[in-house]
C-alpha atoms as a PDB file:
ATOM      1  CA  VAL A   1      -1.762  11.933  -3.982  1.00  0.00           C
ATOM      2  CA  GLN A   2      -1.039   9.852  -0.913  1.00  0.00           C
ATOM      3  CA  LEU A   3      -1.413   6.092  -0.734  1.00  0.00           C
ATOM      4  CA  GLN A   4      -1.231   4.302   2.592  1.00  0.00           C
ATOM      5  CA  ALA A   5      -0.884   0.532   2.491  1.00  0.00           C
ATOM      6  CA  SER A   6      -1.561  -1.635   5.509  1.00  0.00           C
ATOM      7  CA  GLY A   7      -2.414  -5.171   6.531  1.00  0.00           C
ATOM      8  CA  GLY A   8       0.901  -6.911   6.096  1.00  0.00           C
ATOM      9  CA  GLY A   9       2.305  -9.292   8.654  1.00  0.00           C
ATOM     10  CA  LEU A  10       3.560 -12.760   9.392  1.00  0.00           C
ATOM     11  CA  VAL A  11       1.401 -15.695   8.359  1.00  0.00           C
ATOM     12  CA  GLN A  12       1.911 -19.429   7.975  1.00  0.00           C
ATOM     13  CA  ALA A  13       1.832 -21.065   4.578  1.00  0.00           C
ATOM     14  CA  GLY A  14      -1.747 -21.758   3.571  1.00  0.00           C
ATOM     15  CA  GLY A  15      -3.035 -18.796   5.528  1.00  0.00           C
ATOM     16  CA  SER A  16      -4.695 -15.589   4.435  1.00  0.00           C
ATOM     17  CA  LEU A  17      -4.170 -11.860   4.712  1.00  0.00           C
ATOM     18  CA  ARG A  18      -6.017  -8.834   3.416  1.00  0.00           C
ATOM     19  CA  LEU A  19      -4.060  -5.790   2.409  1.00  0.00           C
ATOM     20  CA  SER A  20      -5.670  -2.361   2.246  1.00  0.00           C
ATOM     21  CA  CYS A  21      -4.570   0.800   0.519  1.00  0.00           C
ATOM     22  CA  ALA A  22      -6.250   4.091   1.371  1.00  0.00           C
ATOM     23  CA  ALA A  23      -5.932   6.941  -1.102  1.00  0.00           C
ATOM     24  CA  SER A  24      -6.266  10.667  -0.647  1.00  0.00           C
ATOM     25  CA  GLY A  25      -5.698  13.740  -2.717  1.00  0.00           C
ATOM     26  CA  ARG A  26      -7.400  12.751  -5.975  1.00  0.00           C
ATOM     27  CA  THR A  27     -10.752  11.562  -7.166  1.00  0.00           C
ATOM     28  CA  PHE A  28      -9.968   7.939  -6.439  1.00  0.00           C
ATOM     29  CA  SER A  29     -12.862   6.518  -8.414  1.00  0.00           C
ATOM     30  CA  ARG A  30     -11.464   7.834 -11.704  1.00  0.00           C
ATOM     31  CA  TYR A  31      -8.234   5.862 -11.577  1.00  0.00           C
ATOM     32  CA  ASN A  32      -7.041   2.324 -12.030  1.00  0.00           C
ATOM     33  CA  MET A  33      -5.266   0.772  -9.068  1.00  0.00           C
ATOM     34  CA  GLY A  34      -2.607  -1.888  -8.870  1.00  0.00           C
ATOM     35  CA  TRP A  35      -0.661  -4.007  -6.430  1.00  0.00           C
ATOM     36  CA  PHE A  36       2.977  -4.869  -6.965  1.00  0.00           C
ATOM     37  CA  ARG A  37       5.478  -6.696  -4.781  1.00  0.00           C
ATOM     38  CA  GLN A  38       9.205  -6.853  -4.334  1.00  0.00           C
ATOM     39  CA  ALA A  39      11.063  -9.661  -2.641  1.00  0.00           C
ATOM     40  CA  PRO A  40      14.609  -9.137  -1.353  1.00  0.00           C
ATOM     41  CA  GLY A  41      17.066  -9.276  -4.225  1.00  0.00           C
ATOM     42  CA  ASN A  42      14.324  -9.266  -6.829  1.00  0.00           C
ATOM     43  CA  GLU A  43      12.820  -6.638  -9.048  1.00  0.00           C
ATOM     44  CA  ARG A  44       9.378  -5.301  -8.308  1.00  0.00           C
ATOM     45  CA  GLU A  45       6.716  -7.358 -10.035  1.00  0.00           C
ATOM     46  CA  PHE A  46       3.081  -6.957 -10.925  1.00  0.00           C
ATOM     47  CA  VAL A  47       0.540  -8.739  -8.746  1.00  0.00           C
ATOM     48  CA  ALA A  48      -2.935  -7.453  -9.606  1.00  0.00           C
ATOM     49  CA  ALA A  49      -4.803  -4.489 -11.033  1.00  0.00           C
ATOM     50  CA  ILE A  50      -8.366  -3.235 -11.095  1.00  0.00           C
ATOM     51  CA  SER A  51      -9.990  -0.731 -13.383  1.00  0.00           C
ATOM     52  CA  TRP A  52     -11.512   2.467 -12.058  1.00  0.00           C
ATOM     53  CA  GLY A  53     -15.052   1.065 -12.022  1.00  0.00           C
ATOM     54  CA  SER A  54     -14.113  -2.483 -10.978  1.00  0.00           C
ATOM     55  CA  ALA A  55     -15.295  -3.881 -14.299  1.00  0.00           C
ATOM     56  CA  ASN A  56     -11.902  -5.394 -15.091  1.00  0.00           C
ATOM     57  CA  THR A  57      -9.340  -7.144 -12.957  1.00  0.00           C
ATOM     58  CA  TYR A  58      -5.973  -8.555 -13.915  1.00  0.00           C
ATOM     59  CA  TYR A  59      -3.653 -10.936 -12.117  1.00  0.00           C
ATOM     60  CA  ALA A  60      -0.163 -12.282 -12.413  1.00  0.00           C
ATOM     61  CA  ASP A  61      -0.201 -15.968 -13.227  1.00  0.00           C
ATOM     62  CA  SER A  62       1.571 -16.716  -9.960  1.00  0.00           C
ATOM     63  CA  VAL A  63      -1.345 -15.426  -7.868  1.00  0.00           C
ATOM     64  CA  LYS A  64      -4.337 -16.161 -10.077  1.00  0.00           C
ATOM     65  CA  GLY A  65      -6.960 -18.110  -8.193  1.00  0.00           C
ATOM     66  CA  ARG A  66      -5.428 -17.256  -4.815  1.00  0.00           C
ATOM     67  CA  PHE A  67      -5.530 -13.452  -4.692  1.00  0.00           C
ATOM     68  CA  THR A  68      -8.486 -11.148  -5.271  1.00  0.00           C
ATOM     69  CA  ILE A  69      -8.281  -7.415  -5.876  1.00  0.00           C
ATOM     70  CA  SER A  70     -11.259  -5.222  -5.120  1.00  0.00           C
ATOM     71  CA  ARG A  71     -12.026  -1.613  -4.369  1.00  0.00           C
ATOM     72  CA  ASP A  72     -14.509   0.503  -2.498  1.00  0.00           C
ATOM     73  CA  ASN A  73     -14.680   3.890  -4.182  1.00  0.00           C
ATOM     74  CA  ALA A  74     -16.836   5.305  -1.397  1.00  0.00           C
ATOM     75  CA  LYS A  75     -13.977   4.616   1.013  1.00  0.00           C
ATOM     76  CA  ASN A  76     -11.170   5.485  -1.427  1.00  0.00           C
ATOM     77  CA  THR A  77      -9.659   2.107  -0.690  1.00  0.00           C
ATOM     78  CA  VAL A  78      -8.361  -0.805  -2.714  1.00  0.00           C
ATOM     79  CA  TYR A  79      -7.916  -4.270  -1.227  1.00  0.00           C
ATOM     80  CA  LEU A  80      -5.894  -7.355  -1.951  1.00  0.00           C
ATOM     81  CA  GLN A  81      -7.304 -10.512  -0.412  1.00  0.00           C
ATOM     82  CA  MET A  82      -4.568 -13.131  -0.338  1.00  0.00           C
ATOM     83  CA  SER A  83      -5.357 -16.767   0.332  1.00  0.00           C
ATOM     84  CA  SER A  84      -3.432 -20.034   0.198  1.00  0.00           C
ATOM     85  CA  LEU A  85      -0.286 -18.063   0.811  1.00  0.00           C
ATOM     86  CA  LYS A  86       3.059 -19.598  -0.049  1.00  0.00           C
ATOM     87  CA  PRO A  87       6.559 -18.775   1.199  1.00  0.00           C
ATOM     88  CA  GLU A  88       7.339 -17.398  -2.254  1.00  0.00           C
ATOM     89  CA  ASP A  89       4.674 -14.729  -1.706  1.00  0.00           C
ATOM     90  CA  THR A  90       6.958 -13.169   0.894  1.00  0.00           C
ATOM     91  CA  ALA A  91       7.654  -9.604  -0.219  1.00  0.00           C
ATOM     92  CA  THR A  92       6.927  -5.979   0.391  1.00  0.00           C
ATOM     93  CA  TYR A  93       3.630  -5.188  -1.284  1.00  0.00           C
ATOM     94  CA  TYR A  94       3.005  -1.793  -2.857  1.00  0.00           C
ATOM     95  CA  CYS A  95      -0.206  -0.239  -4.030  1.00  0.00           C
ATOM     96  CA  ALA A  96      -0.151   2.184  -6.912  1.00  0.00           C
ATOM     97  CA  LEU A  97      -2.496   4.561  -8.687  1.00  0.00           C
ATOM     98  CA  GLY A  98      -2.443   4.438 -12.458  1.00  0.00           C
ATOM     99  CA  THR A  99      -3.229   7.143 -14.953  1.00  0.00           C
ATOM    100  CA  THR A 100      -3.494   5.081 -18.134  1.00  0.00           C
ATOM    101  CA  VAL A 101      -6.752   4.280 -19.864  1.00  0.00           C
ATOM    102  CA  VAL A 102      -6.441   0.556 -19.203  1.00  0.00           C
ATOM    103  CA  ALA A 103      -5.187  -0.874 -15.903  1.00  0.00           C
ATOM    104  CA  GLY A 104      -1.598  -1.833 -16.572  1.00  0.00           C
ATOM    105  CA  ARG A 105       0.882  -4.479 -15.526  1.00  0.00           C
ATOM    106  CA  THR A 106       4.072  -2.422 -15.620  1.00  0.00           C
ATOM    107  CA  ASP A 107       5.585   0.098 -13.222  1.00  0.00           C
ATOM    108  CA  SER A 108       5.594   2.831 -15.830  1.00  0.00           C
ATOM    109  CA  GLU A 109       1.809   2.816 -16.028  1.00  0.00           C
ATOM    110  CA  TYR A 110       1.468   3.894 -12.405  1.00  0.00           C
ATOM    111  CA  LYS A 111       2.262   7.388 -11.277  1.00  0.00           C
ATOM    112  CA  TYR A 112       1.723   7.301  -7.511  1.00  0.00           C
ATOM    113  CA  TRP A 113       2.968   4.674  -5.073  1.00  0.00           C
ATOM    114  CA  GLY A 114       2.330   3.776  -1.470  1.00  0.00           C
ATOM    115  CA  GLN A 115       5.089   3.082   1.030  1.00  0.00           C
ATOM    116  CA  GLY A 116       4.719  -0.690   1.026  1.00  0.00           C
ATOM    117  CA  THR A 117       3.641  -3.241   3.580  1.00  0.00           C
ATOM    118  CA  LEU A 118       5.658  -6.347   4.381  1.00  0.00           C
ATOM    119  CA  VAL A 119       4.138  -9.799   4.022  1.00  0.00           C
ATOM    120  CA  THR A 120       6.094 -12.732   5.389  1.00  0.00           C
ATOM    121  CA  VAL A 121       4.887 -16.277   4.809  1.00  0.00           C
ATOM    122  CA  SER A 122       6.541 -18.947   6.900  1.00  0.00           C
ATOM    123  CA  SER A 123       6.771 -22.562   5.805  1.00  0.00           C
END
C-alpha cells in the first residue's frame, strides 16, 4: 500500500487548507482512514478518522468544529479540510490506512502510513 499526502503549506492564522491523501495498492473503499499530526518535539497525535463507508467520523477535541475529514472512494482519496487554523495546528500531517473494524484513534490501529505533509500556521 502506498499513501501520498499533499496540500500542506504556509498559511496565516484563521486561514484554511485542504490536505489530500491518495492511496494505491489496496481496495481503498474497504478500509478506515485517519489523519495524525506531529509537531516538533511532540509525539504524534490523532486528528481525525473516517470509516470505510464514510458513515462515521471522529475528531480530536482540539480540531472539532474546525476540521472536516471526508473521502472519495472512487478516487481512492481521503481529505482533511482545515479551517480557522491556529499556530498550534503547525505540524507534519500524516494520513494512515487502518485495518481495524472501527476507525481508531491510536497509531497501533493503522498499518500503513503516508510520508507526511507540513502545515505551518503563522500568527
